[in-house]
C-alpha cells in the first residue's frame, strides 16, 4: 500500500515527505534531546572555560617565576661577579673595584626585573663585605631560609616570610654559587621579590563573568586575590577562613561545584611548580540565565527552520519540476523533427548539465542531418559531373587518330606527338570506367600530362623520376598524381616564367607505397600552407579535382591508414608526400 502510494505521487510531493521524515522530524527530536542534556553541557562549558583561564594564569605566573630564576642564573654565571667573589685580593683598591662591578651588574639586572634587594653571601675571606650587597656566609647561616638550602639539593629555593598580620608575604629566591670546574660552592645569591612585583601585572579575566581567581601557597596562605563578589575578600588571609577553598588541596588539579555567598559557583584549580594553587571561581547564575535564553531561542529557531525549510523546498521543487517539464517538452519537439532546438541553461547544477547535454545532442543531430544532406548532394553532383565527363572512348580515340593523321599529312611531328600524349592521357584517365589501376599506368598518365606541358612550354621544366621497381605493381586510385603536379605547375613557378625543377620519387616502406612530389619553386608561407592544408582536409573547392578531391577520394578508398603531408617555406619549394597502404585489409571498397 505504501509502495503503491509512493509510486503514484509526484516528485515535489516526494521531496517534501523526505524532508519532513528524514530532516525536520529528526532535527526536532535531536534538538529536544540535546536541550534536555543542556544543564550538564553548560556546566562542562563553564568548566572548560575556567580550566583555560586557570591554565593561562598559571602560565603567566610561571613566566614570572622563570624570569626571576633566569635572572639569578644570569647573575650566577656572570664571569665578572664570579671573579670578584672568588679571587684573592691584595689591596683595598682591588676590593672596591670588584664590589663596584657587582653593584653595576645588579643595577643593570634590576632595571629589567623589579627586586627589593639582591645579596651575595661569599666564603672568600680576602673580600670584605660592603654591608649591603656583599655579605659573609656566616650571616646566611642566621637566616630562616638557609636551613632549607642546607637540607635540600635544588637549583632554586623559594621562601616566604609573612608579615605578622599575614596580610602580605615577602618572597625570597636563593641559589648556590658553584665553581663548575671544581664543583665547590663559594657562595649564595639571595633575592627578595615583593608580592606586587610578581602579581600586580596579572589582570582578572573573569571580572565580567562575576568571578575571579586566587593564588594560594602550599601552606594555605593567600598570595594573590582577584575575586569580584565571590566571598574571599581583598588583602591576604588564610584558606582556613574560607572552607570552600580547602578542597583544592585534595589533588593537583580538578574542579567542583559549591555555594559561595548563596550563589552556586564553579571552582577549577591547578598546581604550579612551586606547589602554589591557582584557583578560578565563577558564579553559575549567569550561565543559567543564558540557558533560559537559549531555550527560548531554540524554540523560535526551530519554528523558523520548519517554515523556511518547507518554503525553500517548495520553491526549489517547483523550479526543478518546471525545468524538467520544459526539458521533456523540448525533447518531444526534437523527436517531432525540430532539429537544432536549444534551451536556456540555468546555473551550474546537475540539471544544467542535462540541459547542456540536450543542447549539444540537438545541435549534433542537426549537424549530422545537414552533413548527410550535403554528402548526398555532393554525391549527386559528382555523379552528374562524371556523367558529363564520360565521353564515348571510341569516338574520342577515332577523333584523335584523325587529327594525328592530318598532322602527319602536313608533316608536323610536334602535333602528332602531342596528339599521341593526349590520347594516352585520356585512355589512362578513363581506364575503362575503373577507379583502381597499377602505379605503372598512373606514372604513364602523369608523364603524358607532362609531355603535353612540354609541348606548350618547351625547355622550361626539368622533370626527374626516381621510382623503385617494386612500386610499379602497386595499386593506386587513378588521377592521383596529375592534380598535384598540375597544382605545382600553376603556382610554384609563377615568378620564374614557368622555369623550374620537379622531382617524382616512389619507394616501398614495409606495406606502404611512399610517393614524394617536390619542386624548387617559390614555396608557400605558413599562413597559406595552413589554408592549403585546411582545404586539403575538409574545405570544399569549386571546379576540378584539386588537392581536396584527391585527398577525399584517397580517404574513401584507404580509410585512416592513408596519409597526406605538405611541407613548404617561402623560397624553399614545396614537398607533397603520399603514404598509401597496400594491405588488402586496409583498402576500403570503392563506390
Protein backbone atom coordinates (compact mmCIF):
# COMPACT_ATOMS: atom_id res chain seq x y z
CA UNK A 1 0.00 0.00 0.00
CA UNK A 2 2.74 2.44 0.96
CA UNK A 3 4.81 1.47 -2.09
CA UNK A 4 1.83 1.97 -4.37
CA UNK A 5 1.11 5.39 -2.92
CA UNK A 6 4.79 6.35 -3.22
CA UNK A 7 4.86 5.39 -6.90
CA UNK A 8 1.72 7.46 -7.63
CA UNK A 9 2.76 10.80 -6.10
CA UNK A 10 4.76 13.46 -7.97
CA UNK A 11 8.41 14.35 -7.48
CA UNK A 12 7.72 17.54 -5.47
CA UNK A 13 5.47 15.64 -3.03
CA UNK A 14 8.19 13.02 -2.61
CA UNK A 15 10.76 15.70 -1.81
CA UNK A 16 8.53 17.29 0.85
CA UNK A 17 7.82 13.94 2.50
CA UNK A 18 11.50 13.03 2.51
CA UNK A 19 12.48 16.34 4.10
CA UNK A 20 9.77 16.09 6.76
CA UNK A 21 10.54 12.46 7.67
CA UNK A 22 14.32 12.49 7.39
CA UNK A 23 15.25 16.11 8.16
CA UNK A 24 12.69 18.18 10.05
CA UNK A 25 11.40 15.45 12.39
CA UNK A 26 14.90 14.10 13.30
CA UNK A 27 16.22 17.65 13.83
CA UNK A 28 13.37 18.49 16.23
CA UNK A 29 13.83 15.23 18.16
CA UNK A 30 17.59 15.68 18.37
CA UNK A 31 17.13 19.31 19.43
CA UNK A 32 14.83 18.23 22.27
CA UNK A 33 17.27 15.55 23.44
CA UNK A 34 20.21 17.92 23.29
CA UNK A 35 18.37 20.60 25.21
CA UNK A 36 17.46 18.03 27.88
CA UNK A 37 21.18 17.47 28.38
CA UNK A 38 21.99 21.19 28.26
CA UNK A 39 22.46 21.54 32.04
CA UNK A 40 25.44 19.23 32.12
CA UNK A 41 26.75 20.67 28.88
CA UNK A 42 26.50 24.20 30.28
CA UNK A 43 28.42 23.12 33.36
CA UNK A 44 31.06 21.48 31.18
CA UNK A 45 31.32 24.63 29.08
CA UNK A 46 31.88 26.72 32.18
CA UNK A 47 34.40 24.21 33.50
CA UNK A 48 36.32 24.21 30.21
CA UNK A 49 36.38 28.00 30.24
CA UNK A 50 37.70 28.10 33.80
CA UNK A 51 40.29 25.43 33.02
CA UNK A 52 41.59 27.57 30.18
CA UNK A 53 41.68 30.65 32.42
CA UNK A 54 43.45 28.71 35.18
CA UNK A 55 45.95 27.37 32.69
CA UNK A 56 46.62 30.84 31.27
CA UNK A 57 47.01 32.34 34.76
CA UNK A 58 49.36 29.53 35.70
CA UNK A 59 51.37 30.18 32.56
CA UNK A 60 51.63 33.90 33.37
CA UNK A 61 52.80 33.18 36.92
CA UNK A 62 55.21 30.53 35.64
CA UNK A 63 56.60 33.05 33.17
CA UNK A 64 57.38 35.49 36.00
CA UNK A 65 58.83 32.76 38.21
CA UNK A 66 61.05 31.54 35.39
CA UNK A 67 62.02 35.13 34.63
CA UNK A 68 63.36 35.66 38.17
CA UNK A 69 65.05 32.26 38.14
CA UNK A 70 66.74 33.09 34.83
CA UNK A 71 67.87 36.39 36.35
CA UNK A 72 69.55 34.52 39.20
CA UNK A 73 71.09 32.10 36.75
CA UNK A 74 72.44 35.02 34.69
CA UNK A 75 73.98 36.61 37.79
CA UNK A 76 75.47 33.32 38.94
CA UNK A 77 77.09 32.78 35.54
CA UNK A 78 78.37 36.35 35.20
CA UNK A 79 82.14 35.98 34.82
CA UNK A 80 82.80 39.36 36.42
CA UNK A 81 80.76 38.51 39.53
CA UNK A 82 82.32 35.05 39.75
CA UNK A 83 85.83 36.52 39.51
CA UNK A 84 85.06 39.20 42.10
CA UNK A 85 83.72 36.68 44.63
CA UNK A 86 86.43 34.04 44.21
CA UNK A 87 89.77 35.82 43.52
CA UNK A 88 92.31 36.59 46.21
CA UNK A 89 92.70 40.31 46.97
CA UNK A 90 95.94 42.04 47.97
CA UNK A 91 94.69 45.60 48.36
CA UNK A 92 91.63 47.58 49.29
CA UNK A 93 91.54 49.20 45.85
CA UNK A 94 91.06 45.82 44.17
CA UNK A 95 88.18 45.04 46.54
CA UNK A 96 86.49 48.37 45.80
CA UNK A 97 86.72 47.80 42.05
CA UNK A 98 85.29 44.28 42.42
CA UNK A 99 82.39 45.48 44.57
CA UNK A 100 81.64 48.27 42.09
CA UNK A 101 81.50 45.71 39.30
CA UNK A 102 78.97 43.61 41.27
CA UNK A 103 76.80 46.65 42.04
CA UNK A 104 76.87 47.67 38.38
CA UNK A 105 75.68 44.22 37.26
CA UNK A 106 72.95 44.19 39.92
CA UNK A 107 71.70 47.64 38.88
CA UNK A 108 71.52 46.57 35.27
CA UNK A 109 69.50 43.43 36.09
CA UNK A 110 67.10 45.27 38.43
CA UNK A 111 66.15 47.63 35.58
CA UNK A 112 64.50 44.66 33.82
CA UNK A 113 63.05 42.75 36.78
CA UNK A 114 61.95 44.67 39.91
CA UNK A 115 63.64 43.27 43.02
CA UNK A 116 63.50 44.68 46.54
CA UNK A 117 67.04 43.56 47.38
CA UNK A 118 69.90 41.46 45.98
CA UNK A 119 72.58 39.99 48.26
CA UNK A 120 75.64 37.85 47.67
CA UNK A 121 76.84 35.69 50.57
CA UNK A 122 80.50 34.78 49.97
CA UNK A 123 83.04 32.46 51.56
CA UNK A 124 86.11 34.36 50.27
CA UNK A 125 87.99 35.66 53.37
CA UNK A 126 90.10 38.15 51.35
CA UNK A 127 86.98 40.07 50.19
CA UNK A 128 85.38 42.28 52.80
CA UNK A 129 81.60 42.71 52.92
CA UNK A 130 80.11 46.08 51.97
CA UNK A 131 77.23 45.83 54.45
CA UNK A 132 74.56 45.83 51.73
CA UNK A 133 75.08 43.69 48.62
CA UNK A 134 78.07 41.50 49.55
CA UNK A 135 77.95 39.75 52.91
CA UNK A 136 79.87 36.97 54.66
CA UNK A 137 78.48 33.42 54.57
CA UNK A 138 78.16 33.42 58.36
CA UNK A 139 75.29 35.89 58.08
CA UNK A 140 73.33 33.48 55.84
CA UNK A 141 73.53 30.80 58.49
CA UNK A 142 71.39 33.00 60.76
CA UNK A 143 68.57 33.37 58.20
CA UNK A 144 65.42 31.23 58.36
CA UNK A 145 65.61 30.22 54.70
CA UNK A 146 69.19 28.87 54.99
CA UNK A 147 68.13 25.65 56.71
CA UNK A 148 66.15 24.50 53.66
CA UNK A 149 69.12 25.17 51.40
CA UNK A 150 71.38 23.03 53.55
CA UNK A 151 68.94 20.13 53.74
CA UNK A 152 67.78 20.04 50.08
CA UNK A 153 69.64 19.99 46.80
CA UNK A 154 67.72 22.05 44.26
CA UNK A 155 68.60 24.56 41.58
CA UNK A 156 66.48 27.32 43.13
CA UNK A 157 64.95 27.87 46.56
CA UNK A 158 61.79 29.88 47.20
CA UNK A 159 60.92 31.05 50.72
CA UNK A 160 58.03 33.10 52.12
CA UNK A 161 58.25 35.39 55.13
CA UNK A 162 54.79 36.61 56.10
CA UNK A 163 54.05 39.80 57.96
CA UNK A 164 52.69 39.41 61.47
CA UNK A 165 49.14 40.19 60.30
CA UNK A 166 49.51 37.72 57.39
CA UNK A 167 48.41 40.47 55.00
CA UNK A 168 51.27 40.25 52.52
CA UNK A 169 54.25 37.88 52.10
CA UNK A 170 57.86 38.66 51.27
CA UNK A 171 59.09 36.27 48.60
CA UNK A 172 62.75 35.20 48.62
CA UNK A 173 64.63 33.37 45.86
CA UNK A 174 68.06 31.86 46.51
CA UNK A 175 70.66 29.88 44.55
CA UNK A 176 74.01 28.35 45.37
CA UNK A 177 77.03 29.82 43.59
CA UNK A 178 79.10 26.89 42.36
CA UNK A 179 82.52 26.72 40.72
CA UNK A 180 81.72 24.34 37.89
CA UNK A 181 85.38 23.42 37.40
CA UNK A 182 85.89 22.20 40.95
CA UNK A 183 82.16 21.69 41.72
CA UNK A 184 82.66 23.58 45.00
CA UNK A 185 80.16 26.07 46.45
CA UNK A 186 81.67 29.50 47.03
CA UNK A 187 78.57 31.49 47.99
CA UNK A 188 74.84 32.20 47.73
CA UNK A 189 72.87 34.70 45.69
CA UNK A 190 69.71 35.79 47.52
CA UNK A 191 66.92 37.98 46.05
CA UNK A 192 63.84 39.45 47.75
CA UNK A 193 60.82 39.93 45.46
CA UNK A 194 57.72 41.83 46.52
CA UNK A 195 54.31 40.30 46.11
CA UNK A 196 53.23 43.21 43.94
CA UNK A 197 56.13 42.72 41.54
CA UNK A 198 55.03 39.12 40.98
CA UNK A 199 51.23 39.52 40.69
CA UNK A 200 50.27 43.18 40.09
CA UNK A 201 50.51 42.95 36.28
CA UNK A 202 48.12 39.98 36.14
CA UNK A 203 44.57 41.19 35.43
CA UNK A 204 41.35 39.42 36.29
CA UNK A 205 39.99 37.77 33.10
CA UNK A 206 36.74 36.73 34.85
CA UNK A 207 35.65 40.15 36.12
CA UNK A 208 32.80 40.45 33.61
CA UNK A 209 31.51 36.97 34.45
CA UNK A 210 31.11 37.67 38.19
CA UNK A 211 34.21 35.64 39.02
CA UNK A 212 37.93 35.88 39.68
CA UNK A 213 41.00 33.95 40.81
CA UNK A 214 43.03 33.24 43.96
CA UNK A 215 46.66 32.10 44.28
CA UNK A 216 47.48 30.07 47.46
CA UNK A 217 50.80 28.75 48.67
CA UNK A 218 51.30 25.19 49.91
CA UNK A 219 50.55 26.32 53.49
CA UNK A 220 47.16 27.78 52.61
CA UNK A 221 48.23 31.45 52.61
CA UNK A 222 46.68 33.79 50.02
CA UNK A 223 49.40 35.15 47.68
CA UNK A 224 47.06 36.94 45.23
CA UNK A 225 43.36 37.73 45.45
CA UNK A 226 41.32 38.91 42.44
CA UNK A 227 37.79 37.87 43.41
CA UNK A 228 34.83 40.04 42.45
CA UNK A 229 31.92 39.45 44.87
CA UNK A 230 32.88 35.77 45.29
CA UNK A 231 33.22 35.92 49.08
CA UNK A 232 37.00 35.76 49.51
CA UNK A 233 37.54 39.46 50.05
CA UNK A 234 40.66 41.56 49.41
CA UNK A 235 44.11 41.55 51.02
CA UNK A 236 45.88 38.49 52.48
CA UNK A 237 44.39 35.79 54.59
CA UNK A 238 44.36 32.08 55.27
CA UNK A 239 42.44 29.37 53.48
CA UNK A 240 41.06 28.28 56.85
CA UNK A 241 38.82 31.34 56.77
CA UNK A 242 37.24 30.09 53.52
CA UNK A 243 36.13 26.46 53.89
CA UNK A 244 35.02 26.18 50.26
CA UNK A 245 38.71 26.53 49.18
CA UNK A 246 40.07 23.69 51.33
CA UNK A 247 39.06 21.10 48.74
CA UNK A 248 41.69 22.40 46.29
CA UNK A 249 44.42 20.70 48.40
CA UNK A 250 42.95 17.24 47.79
CA UNK A 251 44.52 16.92 44.32
CA UNK A 252 46.98 18.60 41.97
CA UNK A 253 44.18 19.80 39.73
CA UNK A 254 40.43 19.43 39.40
CA UNK A 255 37.07 21.12 39.73
CA UNK A 256 33.96 21.10 41.91
CA UNK A 257 30.69 22.98 42.35
CA UNK A 258 29.88 24.72 45.63
CA UNK A 259 27.85 27.58 47.07
CA UNK A 260 29.60 30.87 47.83
CA UNK A 261 27.56 33.61 49.49
CA UNK A 262 24.37 31.81 48.47
CA UNK A 263 25.34 31.60 44.78
CA UNK A 264 26.10 28.30 43.11
CA UNK A 265 29.66 28.66 41.85
CA UNK A 266 32.12 26.57 39.87
CA UNK A 267 35.70 26.19 41.18
CA UNK A 268 38.60 25.00 38.97
CA UNK A 269 42.20 24.76 40.21
CA UNK A 270 45.74 23.83 39.11
CA UNK A 271 49.10 23.45 40.87
CA UNK A 272 52.32 25.03 39.57
CA UNK A 273 55.97 24.04 40.02
CA UNK A 274 56.24 25.82 43.39
CA UNK A 275 53.25 23.88 44.69
CA UNK A 276 51.08 27.01 44.53
CA UNK A 277 47.36 26.61 43.88
CA UNK A 278 45.88 28.73 41.07
CA UNK A 279 42.12 28.76 41.73
CA UNK A 280 39.46 30.23 39.40
CA UNK A 281 35.88 30.84 40.58
CA UNK A 282 32.79 31.93 38.64
CA UNK A 283 29.11 32.17 39.52
CA UNK A 284 26.78 29.90 37.57
CA UNK A 285 23.86 32.32 37.83
CA UNK A 286 24.72 33.98 34.55
CA UNK A 287 25.07 30.58 32.86
CA UNK A 288 21.56 29.56 33.97
CA UNK A 289 20.11 32.84 32.69
CA UNK A 290 21.74 32.33 29.36
CA UNK A 291 20.39 28.79 29.29
CA UNK A 292 16.81 30.08 29.52
CA UNK A 293 17.52 32.47 26.68
CA UNK A 294 18.95 29.59 24.71
CA UNK A 295 15.80 27.57 25.32
CA UNK A 296 13.53 30.33 24.01
CA UNK A 297 15.85 31.00 21.11
CA UNK A 298 15.95 27.28 20.24
CA UNK A 299 12.14 27.09 20.06
CA UNK A 300 11.97 30.21 17.87
CA UNK A 301 14.76 28.95 15.61
CA UNK A 302 13.11 25.53 15.29
CA UNK A 303 9.82 27.06 14.16
CA UNK A 304 11.61 29.38 11.77
CA UNK A 305 13.64 26.41 10.47
CA UNK A 306 10.49 24.40 9.71
CA UNK A 307 8.80 27.32 7.92
CA UNK A 308 11.90 28.24 5.90
CA UNK A 309 12.66 24.62 5.02
CA UNK A 310 9.17 23.97 3.67
CA UNK A 311 9.14 27.30 1.81
CA UNK A 312 12.57 26.84 0.25
CA UNK A 313 11.88 23.22 -0.59
CA UNK A 314 8.57 24.08 -2.24
CA UNK A 315 10.19 26.86 -4.27
CA UNK A 316 13.13 24.68 -5.25
CA UNK A 317 10.91 21.74 -6.10
CA UNK A 318 8.57 23.84 -8.25
CA UNK A 319 11.52 25.36 -10.10
CA UNK A 320 13.13 21.94 -10.62
CA UNK A 321 9.96 20.27 -11.88
CA UNK A 322 9.32 23.25 -14.14
CA UNK A 323 12.76 22.85 -15.73
CA UNK A 324 12.28 19.08 -16.07
CA UNK A 325 8.85 19.51 -17.71
CA UNK A 326 10.24 22.10 -20.10
CA UNK A 327 13.11 19.75 -20.96
CA UNK A 328 10.65 16.91 -21.66
CA UNK A 329 8.57 19.16 -23.95
CA UNK A 330 11.74 20.20 -25.80
CA UNK A 331 12.71 16.54 -26.30
CA UNK A 332 9.29 15.88 -27.81
CA UNK A 333 9.75 18.80 -30.22
CA UNK A 334 13.12 17.36 -31.32
CA UNK A 335 11.51 13.95 -31.73
CA UNK A 336 8.90 15.63 -33.95
CA UNK A 337 11.64 17.00 -36.23
CA UNK A 338 12.59 20.37 -34.72
CA UNK A 339 16.33 19.65 -35.03
CA UNK A 340 18.82 22.19 -33.66
CA UNK A 341 16.44 23.33 -30.91
CA UNK A 342 18.31 24.73 -27.86
CA UNK A 343 17.06 25.76 -24.45
CA UNK A 344 18.40 28.18 -21.85
CA UNK A 345 20.92 26.72 -19.42
CA UNK A 346 20.27 27.72 -15.81
CA UNK A 347 23.07 27.98 -13.22
CA UNK A 348 25.70 25.20 -12.88
CA UNK A 349 23.82 22.33 -11.23
CA UNK A 350 23.14 18.79 -12.47
CA UNK A 351 20.03 19.91 -14.33
CA UNK A 352 22.19 22.48 -16.11
CA UNK A 353 24.47 19.61 -17.18
CA UNK A 354 21.42 17.81 -18.52
CA UNK A 355 20.30 20.96 -20.37
CA UNK A 356 23.77 21.41 -21.86
CA UNK A 357 23.83 17.78 -22.98
CA UNK A 358 20.39 18.22 -24.57
CA UNK A 359 21.58 21.32 -26.46
CA UNK A 360 24.72 19.51 -27.61
CA UNK A 361 22.69 16.48 -28.71
CA UNK A 362 20.17 18.63 -30.58
CA UNK A 363 22.89 20.64 -32.33
CA UNK A 364 24.81 17.47 -33.17
CA UNK A 365 21.70 15.84 -34.62
CA UNK A 366 21.06 18.93 -36.73
CA UNK A 367 24.68 18.98 -37.90
CA UNK A 368 24.60 15.27 -38.69
CA UNK A 369 21.45 15.66 -40.76
CA UNK A 370 22.96 18.64 -42.58
CA UNK A 371 26.18 16.73 -43.23
CA UNK A 372 24.23 13.73 -44.53
CA UNK A 373 22.21 16.03 -46.77
CA UNK A 374 25.33 17.79 -48.04
CA UNK A 375 27.06 14.44 -48.59
CA UNK A 376 24.13 13.21 -50.66
CA UNK A 377 24.14 16.47 -52.60
CA UNK A 378 27.88 16.23 -53.27
CA UNK A 379 27.49 12.60 -54.35
CA UNK A 380 24.74 13.53 -56.81
CA UNK A 381 26.81 16.42 -58.13
CA UNK A 382 29.86 14.19 -58.54
CA UNK A 383 27.78 11.60 -60.37
CA UNK A 384 26.45 14.32 -62.65
CA UNK A 385 29.97 15.61 -63.30
CA UNK A 386 31.17 12.11 -64.08
CA UNK A 387 28.25 11.56 -66.44
CA UNK A 388 29.06 14.82 -68.20
CA UNK A 389 32.73 13.83 -68.43
CA UNK A 390 32.03 10.37 -69.84
CA UNK A 391 32.72 10.75 -73.50
CA UNK A 392 32.49 7.75 -75.77
CA UNK A 393 36.08 6.44 -75.74
CA UNK A 394 35.90 5.07 -79.29
CA UNK A 395 34.61 8.39 -80.63
CA UNK A 396 37.39 10.22 -78.73
CA UNK A 397 40.16 7.87 -79.89
CA UNK A 398 38.95 7.90 -83.54
CA UNK A 399 38.85 11.69 -83.49
CA UNK A 400 42.39 11.92 -82.04
CA UNK A 401 43.62 9.36 -84.63
CA UNK A 402 42.10 11.53 -87.41
CA UNK A 403 43.84 14.63 -86.04
CA UNK A 404 47.16 12.71 -85.87
CA UNK A 405 46.73 11.54 -89.49
CA UNK A 406 46.05 15.09 -90.65
CA UNK A 407 49.15 16.31 -88.77
CA UNK A 408 51.31 13.66 -90.43
CA UNK A 409 49.91 14.62 -93.84
CA UNK A 410 51.16 18.16 -93.35
CA UNK A 411 54.47 16.88 -91.88
CA UNK A 412 54.00 18.24 -88.29
CA UNK A 413 55.68 15.76 -85.93
CA UNK A 414 55.12 18.08 -82.92
CA UNK A 415 51.35 17.99 -83.40
CA UNK A 416 51.46 14.23 -83.93
CA UNK A 417 53.43 13.72 -80.67
CA UNK A 418 51.13 15.98 -78.72
CA UNK A 419 48.06 14.14 -80.03
CA UNK A 420 49.68 10.80 -79.04
CA UNK A 421 50.29 12.14 -75.50
CA UNK A 422 46.72 13.44 -75.28
CA UNK A 423 45.33 10.09 -76.44
CA UNK A 424 47.37 8.23 -73.81
CA UNK A 425 46.26 10.80 -71.15
CA UNK A 426 42.56 10.19 -71.84
CA UNK A 427 42.97 6.44 -72.27
CA UNK A 428 44.55 6.08 -68.82
CA UNK A 429 42.16 8.59 -67.23
CA UNK A 430 39.09 6.75 -68.46
CA UNK A 431 40.60 3.33 -67.62
CA UNK A 432 37.56 1.51 -68.90
CA UNK A 433 35.46 3.04 -66.11
CA UNK A 434 37.51 1.56 -63.24
CA UNK A 435 38.86 3.57 -60.22
CA UNK A 436 41.98 1.49 -59.43
CA UNK A 437 44.98 0.99 -61.74
CA UNK A 438 48.62 -0.09 -61.36
CA UNK A 439 51.09 2.57 -60.25
CA UNK A 440 52.97 2.00 -63.51
CA UNK A 441 49.97 3.22 -65.54
CA UNK A 442 49.49 6.19 -63.13
CA UNK A 443 53.09 7.21 -63.90
CA UNK A 444 52.39 6.91 -67.64
CA UNK A 445 49.32 9.12 -67.15
CA UNK A 446 51.28 11.90 -65.42
CA UNK A 447 54.11 11.56 -67.99
CA UNK A 448 51.57 12.08 -70.79
CA UNK A 449 50.36 15.22 -68.98
CA UNK A 450 53.98 16.45 -68.67
CA UNK A 451 54.61 15.73 -72.39
CA UNK A 452 51.64 17.94 -73.28
CA UNK A 453 53.00 20.65 -70.93
CA UNK A 454 56.43 20.33 -72.59
CA UNK A 455 54.81 20.84 -75.99
CA UNK A 456 53.25 24.07 -74.70
CA UNK A 457 56.36 25.36 -72.88
CA UNK A 458 59.38 23.61 -74.37
CA UNK A 459 62.59 23.58 -72.32
CA UNK A 460 61.17 25.36 -69.25
CA UNK A 461 60.56 22.43 -66.91
CA UNK A 462 63.08 19.78 -65.88
CA UNK A 463 61.40 16.61 -64.59
CA UNK A 464 63.25 13.82 -62.70
CA UNK A 465 61.79 10.40 -61.87
CA UNK A 466 63.25 8.10 -59.19
CA UNK A 467 60.92 5.11 -58.96
CA UNK A 468 61.73 1.76 -57.37
CA UNK A 469 60.86 -1.27 -59.50
CA UNK A 470 58.81 -2.81 -56.66
CA UNK A 471 56.37 0.13 -56.69
CA UNK A 472 55.25 -0.31 -60.32
CA UNK A 473 52.92 -3.20 -59.48
CA UNK A 474 51.25 -1.39 -56.55
CA UNK A 475 47.59 -0.37 -56.84
CA UNK A 476 46.56 3.28 -56.65
CA UNK A 477 43.44 5.34 -57.25
CA UNK A 478 43.59 6.80 -60.74
CA UNK A 479 44.25 10.53 -61.35
CA UNK A 480 46.12 10.90 -58.04
CA UNK A 481 49.43 12.41 -59.18
CA UNK A 482 48.23 14.61 -62.07
CA UNK A 483 46.23 17.12 -59.91
CA UNK A 484 49.19 17.53 -57.55
CA UNK A 485 51.62 18.04 -60.47
CA UNK A 486 49.19 20.45 -62.11
CA UNK A 487 48.96 22.45 -58.85
CA UNK A 488 52.77 22.73 -58.78
CA UNK A 489 52.96 23.87 -62.42
CA UNK A 490 50.26 26.51 -61.90
CA UNK A 491 51.63 28.07 -58.69
CA UNK A 492 55.25 27.07 -57.97
CA UNK A 493 56.96 28.69 -60.98
CA UNK A 494 54.91 31.86 -61.38
CA UNK A 495 57.88 34.16 -60.58
CA UNK A 496 60.32 32.23 -62.84
CA UNK A 497 58.24 32.26 -66.02
CA UNK A 498 57.42 28.60 -65.67
CA UNK A 499 61.07 27.54 -65.32
CA UNK A 500 61.99 25.11 -62.57
CA UNK A 501 62.64 21.57 -61.50
CA UNK A 502 60.13 18.89 -60.49
CA UNK A 503 61.01 15.51 -58.98
CA UNK A 504 58.77 12.46 -58.52
CA UNK A 505 60.06 9.62 -56.34
CA UNK A 506 58.39 6.39 -55.22
CA UNK A 507 59.53 3.70 -52.78
CA UNK A 508 58.16 0.94 -50.55
CA UNK A 509 58.25 1.08 -46.75
CA UNK A 510 57.05 -2.28 -45.49
CA UNK A 511 53.49 -2.47 -46.91
CA UNK A 512 53.12 1.24 -47.72
CA UNK A 513 53.67 2.98 -51.06
CA UNK A 514 55.51 6.26 -50.39
CA UNK A 515 55.28 8.90 -53.15
CA UNK A 516 57.04 12.28 -52.98
CA UNK A 517 56.40 15.17 -55.42
CA UNK A 518 58.81 18.07 -54.83
CA UNK A 519 59.51 21.33 -56.67
CA UNK A 520 62.09 24.09 -56.25
CA UNK A 521 59.56 26.85 -56.78
CA UNK A 522 58.69 29.93 -54.73
CA UNK A 523 57.23 27.93 -51.84
CA UNK A 524 54.25 28.70 -49.60
CA UNK A 525 54.04 30.82 -46.43
CA UNK A 526 52.87 29.27 -43.18
CA UNK A 527 49.52 31.06 -43.39
CA UNK A 528 48.98 29.90 -47.00
CA UNK A 529 50.18 26.42 -46.07
CA UNK A 530 47.67 26.25 -43.22
CA UNK A 531 44.90 27.33 -45.59
CA UNK A 532 46.01 24.75 -48.16
CA UNK A 533 46.10 22.00 -45.54
CA UNK A 534 42.65 23.06 -44.33
CA UNK A 535 41.33 22.90 -47.87
CA UNK A 536 43.05 19.59 -48.42
CA UNK A 537 41.44 18.13 -45.30
CA UNK A 538 37.85 19.27 -45.46
CA UNK A 539 37.08 22.62 -47.07
CA UNK A 540 35.25 22.28 -50.38
CA UNK A 541 36.74 23.64 -53.60
CA UNK A 542 34.98 24.89 -56.72
CA UNK A 543 35.84 23.32 -60.02
CA UNK A 544 38.25 20.47 -60.93
CA UNK A 545 39.55 17.77 -58.68
CA UNK A 546 42.29 19.72 -56.89
CA UNK A 547 44.05 18.77 -53.70
CA UNK A 548 40.78 18.44 -51.79
CA UNK A 549 39.27 15.93 -54.22
CA UNK A 550 42.48 13.90 -54.33
CA UNK A 551 42.56 13.71 -50.54
CA UNK A 552 38.85 12.85 -50.27
CA UNK A 553 38.99 10.08 -52.89
CA UNK A 554 42.07 8.50 -51.29
CA UNK A 555 40.48 8.63 -47.83
CA UNK A 556 37.33 6.92 -49.14
CA UNK A 557 39.41 4.10 -50.60
CA UNK A 558 42.08 3.64 -47.91
CA UNK A 559 40.49 4.98 -44.71
CA UNK A 560 42.52 6.37 -41.80
CA UNK A 561 45.65 4.39 -42.70
CA UNK A 562 46.26 6.73 -45.65
CA UNK A 563 48.21 9.96 -45.02
CA UNK A 564 48.90 13.22 -46.94
CA UNK A 565 51.68 15.61 -45.80
CA UNK A 566 52.63 19.03 -47.24
CA UNK A 567 55.87 20.82 -46.29
CA UNK A 568 56.89 24.20 -47.65
CA UNK A 569 58.54 27.52 -46.86
CA UNK A 570 58.94 30.74 -48.89
CA UNK A 571 61.89 30.41 -51.28
CA UNK A 572 62.46 26.73 -50.45
CA UNK A 573 59.95 24.99 -52.70
CA UNK A 574 57.12 22.60 -51.79
CA UNK A 575 57.08 18.87 -51.00
CA UNK A 576 53.92 16.72 -51.07
CA UNK A 577 54.13 13.20 -49.62
CA UNK A 578 51.57 10.41 -50.02
CA UNK A 579 51.58 7.26 -47.87
CA UNK A 580 49.23 4.67 -49.45
CA UNK A 581 48.74 1.28 -47.73
CA UNK A 582 48.98 -1.85 -49.89
CA UNK A 583 47.44 -4.39 -47.49
CA UNK A 584 44.12 -5.59 -48.84
CA UNK A 585 42.53 -5.44 -45.36
CA UNK A 586 43.24 -1.70 -45.13
CA UNK A 587 41.71 -0.76 -48.51
CA UNK A 588 38.05 0.30 -48.44
CA UNK A 589 35.70 -0.74 -51.17
CA UNK A 590 35.26 1.94 -53.81
CA UNK A 591 31.92 3.21 -54.97
